[in-house]
Amino acid sequence: MEMVRRMVNFDFDKSAIRAGQDTEVLEQKLAILQTNSGLRVEISGHCDERGTDEYNMALGMRRAVSAKQFLVDRGIAESRITVRSRGEEQPLDPGHNEEAWTQNRRGEFRVTSGGGSLKRPGM
């Protein structure tokens, strides 16, 4: 399911989940995880190029943990979600402007197991 891999984005220098579209994306992921108890995911936190490598690695981890906590707080077992930081090392957009930075401040989701035959929520 494409929704499992859909990213969430973050504001500059923030790790809080933004209300609106990002909350909706996580709610949809929550429903998929609830319906598919064998599904496990990894969340990687990413940053734009501003800030030191060390700061961005820590910020990326805070972003990944924030997305994980959103799901755990709603009943998903912590053991089903791993987190990691990519810092600024894997930009989606190599540009050096706000448009690029906005895309690069993100949380990416990757299925690590149980994604072979996913059931749609509500079925």
N, C-alpha and C. Protein backbone atom coordinates (compact mmCIF):
# COMPACT_ATOMS: atom_id res chain seq x y z
N MET A 1 0.83 -1.19 0.00
CA MET A 1 0.00 0.00 0.00
C MET A 1 0.87 1.25 0.00
N GLU A 2 0.56 2.12 -0.88
CA GLU A 2 1.33 3.37 -0.98
C GLU A 2 1.23 4.21 0.29
N MET A 3 0.09 4.14 0.97
CA MET A 3 -0.09 4.96 2.17
C MET A 3 0.94 4.62 3.25
N VAL A 4 1.36 3.38 3.32
CA VAL A 4 2.34 3.00 4.34
C VAL A 4 3.64 3.78 4.15
N ARG A 5 4.00 4.03 2.90
CA ARG A 5 5.26 4.72 2.61
C ARG A 5 5.13 6.25 2.54
N ARG A 6 3.94 6.77 2.63
CA ARG A 6 3.75 8.22 2.52
C ARG A 6 4.46 8.95 3.66
N MET A 7 5.14 10.02 3.34
CA MET A 7 5.94 10.78 4.30
C MET A 7 5.11 11.80 5.07
N VAL A 8 5.66 12.21 6.19
CA VAL A 8 5.15 13.38 6.91
C VAL A 8 6.26 14.42 6.89
N ASN A 9 5.88 15.67 7.01
CA ASN A 9 6.87 16.75 6.97
C ASN A 9 6.86 17.51 8.29
N PHE A 10 7.92 18.27 8.49
CA PHE A 10 8.11 19.00 9.74
C PHE A 10 8.46 20.45 9.45
N ASP A 11 8.13 21.30 10.41
CA ASP A 11 8.51 22.70 10.32
C ASP A 11 10.00 22.85 10.64
N PHE A 12 10.57 23.98 10.25
CA PHE A 12 11.98 24.26 10.48
C PHE A 12 12.32 24.12 11.96
N ASP A 13 13.34 23.33 12.25
CA ASP A 13 13.89 23.16 13.59
C ASP A 13 12.87 22.60 14.59
N LYS A 14 11.87 21.87 14.09
CA LYS A 14 10.82 21.30 14.95
C LYS A 14 10.73 19.80 14.73
N SER A 15 10.22 19.10 15.75
CA SER A 15 9.96 17.68 15.63
C SER A 15 8.52 17.33 15.96
N ALA A 16 7.70 18.32 16.24
CA ALA A 16 6.29 18.08 16.56
C ALA A 16 5.52 17.71 15.28
N ILE A 17 4.58 16.80 15.43
CA ILE A 17 3.70 16.43 14.32
C ILE A 17 2.76 17.60 14.07
N ARG A 18 2.68 18.02 12.82
CA ARG A 18 1.84 19.16 12.47
C ARG A 18 0.38 18.73 12.32
N ALA A 19 -0.50 19.55 12.86
CA ALA A 19 -1.94 19.30 12.70
C ALA A 19 -2.30 19.43 11.22
N GLY A 20 -3.34 18.76 10.83
CA GLY A 20 -3.78 18.83 9.46
C GLY A 20 -3.30 17.63 8.65
N GLN A 21 -2.70 17.89 7.52
CA GLN A 21 -2.32 16.83 6.60
C GLN A 21 -1.41 15.77 7.23
N ASP A 22 -0.42 16.18 8.00
CA ASP A 22 0.49 15.20 8.58
C ASP A 22 -0.20 14.33 9.62
N THR A 23 -1.09 14.91 10.42
CA THR A 23 -1.87 14.12 11.37
C THR A 23 -2.77 13.14 10.63
N GLU A 24 -3.37 13.58 9.54
CA GLU A 24 -4.24 12.71 8.74
C GLU A 24 -3.45 11.54 8.16
N VAL A 25 -2.25 11.81 7.67
CA VAL A 25 -1.40 10.74 7.13
C VAL A 25 -1.11 9.71 8.21
N LEU A 26 -0.76 10.17 9.40
CA LEU A 26 -0.46 9.24 10.50
C LEU A 26 -1.70 8.48 10.95
N GLU A 27 -2.85 9.12 10.94
CA GLU A 27 -4.10 8.42 11.28
C GLU A 27 -4.38 7.30 10.28
N GLN A 28 -4.11 7.54 9.00
CA GLN A 28 -4.30 6.51 7.98
C GLN A 28 -3.30 5.37 8.18
N LYS A 29 -2.07 5.69 8.52
CA LYS A 29 -1.08 4.66 8.82
C LYS A 29 -1.50 3.85 10.05
N LEU A 30 -2.05 4.53 11.04
CA LEU A 30 -2.54 3.87 12.24
C LEU A 30 -3.58 2.81 11.89
N ALA A 31 -4.53 3.16 11.05
CA ALA A 31 -5.58 2.21 10.65
C ALA A 31 -4.97 1.01 9.93
N ILE A 32 -3.98 1.23 9.10
CA ILE A 32 -3.32 0.13 8.39
C ILE A 32 -2.59 -0.77 9.37
N LEU A 33 -1.88 -0.17 10.32
CA LEU A 33 -1.15 -0.95 11.33
C LEU A 33 -2.12 -1.73 12.22
N GLN A 34 -3.25 -1.15 12.56
CA GLN A 34 -4.24 -1.84 13.40
C GLN A 34 -4.84 -3.03 12.66
N THR A 35 -5.05 -2.90 11.37
CA THR A 35 -5.66 -3.96 10.56
C THR A 35 -4.67 -5.07 10.25
N ASN A 36 -3.39 -4.75 10.20
CA ASN A 36 -2.35 -5.69 9.80
C ASN A 36 -1.37 -5.88 10.96
N SER A 37 -1.72 -6.77 11.87
CA SER A 37 -0.94 -6.91 13.10
C SER A 37 0.48 -7.41 12.88
N GLY A 38 0.78 -8.01 11.73
CA GLY A 38 2.13 -8.47 11.45
C GLY A 38 3.02 -7.44 10.78
N LEU A 39 2.45 -6.28 10.46
CA LEU A 39 3.19 -5.23 9.76
C LEU A 39 4.14 -4.54 10.72
N ARG A 40 5.39 -4.38 10.28
CA ARG A 40 6.40 -3.65 11.04
C ARG A 40 7.02 -2.61 10.11
N VAL A 41 7.32 -1.44 10.68
CA VAL A 41 7.86 -0.35 9.88
C VAL A 41 9.07 0.29 10.56
N GLU A 42 9.85 0.94 9.72
CA GLU A 42 10.96 1.77 10.21
C GLU A 42 10.65 3.20 9.80
N ILE A 43 10.84 4.11 10.74
CA ILE A 43 10.66 5.54 10.45
C ILE A 43 12.03 6.19 10.49
N SER A 44 12.40 6.88 9.41
CA SER A 44 13.66 7.62 9.41
C SER A 44 13.37 9.11 9.36
N GLY A 45 14.05 9.82 10.27
CA GLY A 45 13.91 11.26 10.34
C GLY A 45 14.99 11.95 9.52
N HIS A 46 14.57 12.95 8.75
CA HIS A 46 15.46 13.68 7.85
C HIS A 46 15.38 15.18 8.14
N CYS A 47 16.45 15.89 7.78
CA CYS A 47 16.55 17.33 8.02
C CYS A 47 16.98 18.04 6.74
N ASP A 48 16.83 19.35 6.75
CA ASP A 48 17.43 20.12 5.66
C ASP A 48 18.90 20.34 6.00
N GLU A 49 19.61 21.01 5.11
CA GLU A 49 21.06 21.13 5.23
C GLU A 49 21.54 22.12 6.28
N ARG A 50 20.63 22.90 6.83
CA ARG A 50 21.04 23.90 7.81
C ARG A 50 21.29 23.23 9.15
N GLY A 51 22.27 23.68 9.87
CA GLY A 51 22.62 23.09 11.16
C GLY A 51 23.82 22.17 11.02
N THR A 52 24.46 21.88 12.12
CA THR A 52 25.62 21.00 12.10
C THR A 52 25.18 19.56 11.87
N ASP A 53 26.11 18.72 11.47
CA ASP A 53 25.80 17.30 11.28
C ASP A 53 25.25 16.69 12.57
N GLU A 54 25.89 17.00 13.69
CA GLU A 54 25.47 16.44 14.97
C GLU A 54 24.07 16.90 15.34
N TYR A 55 23.81 18.18 15.15
CA TYR A 55 22.48 18.72 15.48
C TYR A 55 21.42 18.06 14.60
N ASN A 56 21.70 17.95 13.32
CA ASN A 56 20.72 17.38 12.39
C ASN A 56 20.48 15.89 12.65
N MET A 57 21.51 15.17 13.07
CA MET A 57 21.30 13.76 13.42
C MET A 57 20.37 13.65 14.62
N ALA A 58 20.56 14.51 15.61
CA ALA A 58 19.70 14.50 16.80
C ALA A 58 18.28 14.94 16.44
N LEU A 59 18.14 15.96 15.62
CA LEU A 59 16.82 16.45 15.20
C LEU A 59 16.11 15.38 14.37
N GLY A 60 16.83 14.72 13.49
CA GLY A 60 16.23 13.65 12.70
C GLY A 60 15.69 12.54 13.59
N MET A 61 16.43 12.22 14.65
CA MET A 61 15.96 11.18 15.58
C MET A 61 14.73 11.66 16.33
N ARG A 62 14.72 12.92 16.76
CA ARG A 62 13.53 13.45 17.45
C ARG A 62 12.31 13.39 16.54
N ARG A 63 12.49 13.67 15.27
CA ARG A 63 11.38 13.60 14.31
C ARG A 63 10.86 12.18 14.16
N ALA A 64 11.76 11.22 14.01
CA ALA A 64 11.35 9.82 13.88
C ALA A 64 10.63 9.35 15.14
N VAL A 65 11.16 9.71 16.30
CA VAL A 65 10.55 9.31 17.57
C VAL A 65 9.18 9.96 17.73
N SER A 66 9.04 11.19 17.29
CA SER A 66 7.75 11.88 17.39
C SER A 66 6.68 11.16 16.57
N ALA A 67 7.02 10.75 15.36
CA ALA A 67 6.07 10.01 14.52
C ALA A 67 5.74 8.66 15.15
N LYS A 68 6.76 7.99 15.68
CA LYS A 68 6.54 6.70 16.35
C LYS A 68 5.62 6.89 17.54
N GLN A 69 5.89 7.89 18.36
CA GLN A 69 5.11 8.11 19.57
C GLN A 69 3.65 8.39 19.24
N PHE A 70 3.39 9.09 18.15
CA PHE A 70 2.02 9.34 17.70
C PHE A 70 1.28 8.02 17.56
N LEU A 71 1.93 7.04 16.93
CA LEU A 71 1.31 5.73 16.68
C LEU A 71 1.23 4.89 17.96
N VAL A 72 2.28 4.92 18.76
CA VAL A 72 2.31 4.15 20.01
C VAL A 72 1.24 4.67 20.97
N ASP A 73 1.08 5.98 21.05
CA ASP A 73 0.07 6.57 21.93
C ASP A 73 -1.34 6.15 21.56
N ARG A 74 -1.52 5.67 20.35
CA ARG A 74 -2.83 5.24 19.87
C ARG A 74 -2.96 3.73 19.78
N GLY A 75 -2.02 3.03 20.45
CA GLY A 75 -2.19 1.60 20.61
C GLY A 75 -1.28 0.67 19.82
N ILE A 76 -0.40 1.19 18.99
CA ILE A 76 0.52 0.32 18.25
C ILE A 76 1.70 -0.03 19.15
N ALA A 77 2.04 -1.30 19.19
CA ALA A 77 3.15 -1.76 20.05
C ALA A 77 4.47 -1.13 19.60
N GLU A 78 5.23 -0.66 20.56
CA GLU A 78 6.53 -0.05 20.26
C GLU A 78 7.42 -0.99 19.46
N SER A 79 7.33 -2.27 19.74
CA SER A 79 8.20 -3.25 19.09
C SER A 79 7.96 -3.37 17.58
N ARG A 80 6.86 -2.83 17.10
CA ARG A 80 6.54 -2.91 15.67
C ARG A 80 7.14 -1.75 14.88
N ILE A 81 7.74 -0.79 15.57
CA ILE A 81 8.26 0.41 14.90
C ILE A 81 9.69 0.66 15.34
N THR A 82 10.60 0.69 14.38
CA THR A 82 11.97 1.09 14.68
C THR A 82 12.19 2.49 14.14
N VAL A 83 13.16 3.18 14.71
CA VAL A 83 13.45 4.56 14.28
C VAL A 83 14.93 4.71 14.01
N ARG A 84 15.24 5.65 13.16
CA ARG A 84 16.63 6.01 12.88
C ARG A 84 16.66 7.43 12.35
N SER A 85 17.82 8.02 12.40
CA SER A 85 18.01 9.36 11.86
C SER A 85 18.92 9.29 10.65
N ARG A 86 18.58 10.04 9.65
CA ARG A 86 19.42 10.20 8.47
C ARG A 86 20.02 11.61 8.42
N GLY A 87 19.65 12.44 9.39
CA GLY A 87 20.17 13.80 9.40
C GLY A 87 19.88 14.50 8.08
N GLU A 88 20.90 15.12 7.53
CA GLU A 88 20.76 15.85 6.27
C GLU A 88 21.34 15.07 5.09
N GLU A 89 21.70 13.83 5.31
CA GLU A 89 22.49 13.07 4.34
C GLU A 89 21.74 12.58 3.10
N GLN A 90 20.41 12.55 3.12
CA GLN A 90 19.65 12.04 1.99
C GLN A 90 18.54 13.01 1.58
N PRO A 91 18.92 14.16 1.04
CA PRO A 91 17.89 15.13 0.66
C PRO A 91 17.05 14.63 -0.52
N LEU A 92 15.76 14.93 -0.48
CA LEU A 92 14.91 14.66 -1.64
C LEU A 92 15.19 15.68 -2.74
N ASP A 93 15.44 16.91 -2.32
CA ASP A 93 15.71 18.00 -3.25
C ASP A 93 17.07 18.59 -2.89
N PRO A 94 18.03 18.56 -3.83
CA PRO A 94 19.37 19.05 -3.54
C PRO A 94 19.50 20.58 -3.54
N GLY A 95 18.39 21.28 -3.75
CA GLY A 95 18.44 22.74 -3.81
C GLY A 95 18.81 23.36 -2.47
N HIS A 96 19.11 24.66 -2.53
CA HIS A 96 19.53 25.40 -1.34
C HIS A 96 18.58 26.57 -1.10
N ASN A 97 17.28 26.27 -1.06
CA ASN A 97 16.27 27.30 -0.84
C ASN A 97 15.13 26.71 -0.03
N GLU A 98 14.19 27.56 0.36
CA GLU A 98 13.10 27.12 1.24
C GLU A 98 12.26 26.00 0.61
N GLU A 99 12.05 26.05 -0.69
CA GLU A 99 11.27 24.99 -1.34
C GLU A 99 11.94 23.62 -1.16
N ALA A 100 13.24 23.57 -1.35
CA ALA A 100 13.98 22.31 -1.17
C ALA A 100 14.00 21.92 0.29
N TRP A 101 14.28 22.86 1.17
CA TRP A 101 14.38 22.56 2.60
C TRP A 101 13.06 22.01 3.14
N THR A 102 11.93 22.56 2.66
CA THR A 102 10.61 22.10 3.10
C THR A 102 10.43 20.62 2.78
N GLN A 103 10.84 20.20 1.60
CA GLN A 103 10.72 18.79 1.21
C GLN A 103 11.65 17.90 2.01
N ASN A 104 12.81 18.41 2.36
CA ASN A 104 13.82 17.60 3.02
C ASN A 104 13.56 17.39 4.52
N ARG A 105 12.73 18.21 5.11
CA ARG A 105 12.37 18.05 6.53
C ARG A 105 11.22 17.06 6.62
N ARG A 106 11.55 15.78 6.80
CA ARG A 106 10.51 14.76 6.66
C ARG A 106 10.77 13.54 7.53
N GLY A 107 9.73 12.74 7.64
CA GLY A 107 9.81 11.41 8.22
C GLY A 107 9.39 10.43 7.15
N GLU A 108 10.27 9.48 6.86
CA GLU A 108 9.99 8.46 5.84
C GLU A 108 9.65 7.15 6.52
N PHE A 109 8.78 6.39 5.90
CA PHE A 109 8.32 5.11 6.44
C PHE A 109 8.69 4.00 5.47
N ARG A 110 9.24 2.91 6.02
CA ARG A 110 9.62 1.76 5.21
C ARG A 110 9.11 0.50 5.91
N VAL A 111 8.49 -0.38 5.13
CA VAL A 111 8.02 -1.65 5.68
C VAL A 111 9.24 -2.54 5.90
N THR A 112 9.36 -3.09 7.11
CA THR A 112 10.48 -3.98 7.42
C THR A 112 10.05 -5.44 7.45
N SER A 113 8.76 -5.70 7.71
CA SER A 113 8.23 -7.06 7.60
C SER A 113 6.71 -7.02 7.62
N GLY A 114 6.12 -8.08 7.11
CA GLY A 114 4.68 -8.23 7.12
C GLY A 114 3.94 -7.44 6.06
N GLY A 115 4.63 -6.98 5.04
CA GLY A 115 3.98 -6.16 4.02
C GLY A 115 3.57 -6.92 2.77
N GLY A 116 3.70 -8.24 2.81
CA GLY A 116 3.42 -9.05 1.61
C GLY A 116 1.99 -8.99 1.11
N SER A 117 1.04 -9.08 1.99
CA SER A 117 -0.38 -9.05 1.58
C SER A 117 -1.18 -8.26 2.61
N LEU A 118 -1.14 -6.97 2.46
CA LEU A 118 -1.80 -6.10 3.42
C LEU A 118 -3.30 -6.08 3.18
N LYS A 119 -4.04 -6.03 4.28
CA LYS A 119 -5.49 -5.89 4.21
C LYS A 119 -5.81 -4.40 4.36
N ARG A 120 -6.82 -3.98 3.62
CA ARG A 120 -7.27 -2.60 3.74
C ARG A 120 -8.08 -2.43 5.02
N PRO A 121 -7.88 -1.31 5.72
CA PRO A 121 -8.68 -1.06 6.92
C PRO A 121 -10.17 -1.05 6.58
N GLY A 122 -10.97 -1.59 7.48
CA GLY A 122 -12.41 -1.58 7.30
C GLY A 122 -12.95 -2.72 6.47
N MET A 123 -12.08 -3.64 6.05
CA MET A 123 -12.55 -4.77 5.24
C MET A 123 -12.59 -6.02 6.07
